[in-house]
C-alpha atoms as a PDB file:
ATOM      1  CA  UNK A   1     -22.179  -3.700  15.854  1.00  0.00           C
ATOM      2  CA  UNK A   2     -22.015  -0.723  18.224  1.00  0.00           C
ATOM      3  CA  UNK A   3     -19.962   2.224  17.055  1.00  0.00           C
ATOM      4  CA  UNK A   4     -17.498   1.989  19.992  1.00  0.00           C
ATOM      5  CA  UNK A   5     -16.582  -1.593  19.168  1.00  0.00           C
ATOM      6  CA  UNK A   6     -16.132  -0.775  15.484  1.00  0.00           C
ATOM      7  CA  UNK A   7     -13.874   2.189  16.254  1.00  0.00           C
ATOM      8  CA  UNK A   8     -11.847   0.104  18.696  1.00  0.00           C
ATOM      9  CA  UNK A   9     -11.387  -2.663  16.115  1.00  0.00           C
ATOM     10  CA  UNK A  10     -10.300  -0.121  13.466  1.00  0.00           C
ATOM     11  CA  UNK A  11      -7.836   1.454  15.879  1.00  0.00           C
ATOM     12  CA  UNK A  12      -6.425  -1.914  16.881  1.00  0.00           C
ATOM     13  CA  UNK A  13      -6.143  -2.947  13.233  1.00  0.00           C
ATOM     14  CA  UNK A  14      -4.182   0.237  12.481  1.00  0.00           C
ATOM     15  CA  UNK A  15      -1.871  -0.301  15.424  1.00  0.00           C
ATOM     16  CA  UNK A  16      -1.191  -3.889  14.385  1.00  0.00           C
ATOM     17  CA  UNK A  17      -0.587  -2.854  10.760  1.00  0.00           C
ATOM     18  CA  UNK A  18       1.821  -0.127  11.859  1.00  0.00           C
ATOM     19  CA  UNK A  19       3.669  -2.524  14.175  1.00  0.00           C
ATOM     20  CA  UNK A  20       3.904  -5.082  11.378  1.00  0.00           C
ATOM     21  CA  UNK A  21       5.238  -2.447   8.955  1.00  0.00           C
ATOM     22  CA  UNK A  22       7.993  -1.397  11.360  1.00  0.00           C
ATOM     23  CA  UNK A  23       8.852  -5.020  12.130  1.00  0.00           C
ATOM     24  CA  UNK A  24       9.194  -5.771   8.412  1.00  0.00           C
ATOM     25  CA  UNK A  25      11.427  -2.706   7.920  1.00  0.00           C
ATOM     26  CA  UNK A  26      13.386  -2.890  11.162  1.00  0.00           C
ATOM     27  CA  UNK A  27      16.717  -3.030   9.311  1.00  0.00           C
ATOM     28  CA  UNK A  28      15.924  -0.206   6.885  1.00  0.00           C
ATOM     29  CA  UNK A  29      17.781   3.041   7.368  1.00  0.00           C
ATOM     30  CA  UNK A  30      15.348   5.950   7.718  1.00  0.00           C
ATOM     31  CA  UNK A  31      16.321   9.419   8.820  1.00  0.00           C
ATOM     32  CA  UNK A  32      14.182  11.257  11.388  1.00  0.00           C
ATOM     33  CA  UNK A  33      12.129  13.111   8.760  1.00  0.00           C
ATOM     34  CA  UNK A  34      11.414   9.934   6.808  1.00  0.00           C
ATOM     35  CA  UNK A  35      10.388   8.120   9.982  1.00  0.00           C
ATOM     36  CA  UNK A  36       8.096  11.030  10.953  1.00  0.00           C
ATOM     37  CA  UNK A  37       6.432  11.081   7.525  1.00  0.00           C
ATOM     38  CA  UNK A  38       6.021   7.301   7.426  1.00  0.00           C
ATOM     39  CA  UNK A  39       4.347   7.385  10.835  1.00  0.00           C
ATOM     40  CA  UNK A  40       1.976  10.115   9.614  1.00  0.00           C
ATOM     41  CA  UNK A  41       1.049   8.099   6.527  1.00  0.00           C
ATOM     42  CA  UNK A  42       0.602   4.933   8.577  1.00  0.00           C
ATOM     43  CA  UNK A  43      -1.716   6.899  10.882  1.00  0.00           C
ATOM     44  CA  UNK A  44      -3.915   7.876   7.926  1.00  0.00           C
ATOM     45  CA  UNK A  45      -2.489  11.231   6.806  1.00  0.00           C
ATOM     46  CA  UNK A  46      -3.298  11.785   3.133  1.00  0.00           C
ATOM     47  CA  UNK A  47      -1.765  15.203   2.522  1.00  0.00           C
ATOM     48  CA  UNK A  48      -3.423  18.508   1.857  1.00  0.00           C
ATOM     49  CA  UNK A  49      -5.692  19.237  -1.056  1.00  0.00           C
ATOM     50  CA  UNK A  50      -4.541  21.864  -3.538  1.00  0.00           C
ATOM     51  CA  UNK A  51      -8.115  23.083  -3.994  1.00  0.00           C
END
């Protein structure tokens, strides 16, 4: 499969997962900082290494 198609499918999968997560938690109360951090994690952020 060409690289472009694979990247597009991965991006779409991430978008759908993120949308599903927010739909499932639509009634949860998150403050702005929590929402920001959750979006970072859902976008693939793993934190910084201590090394």
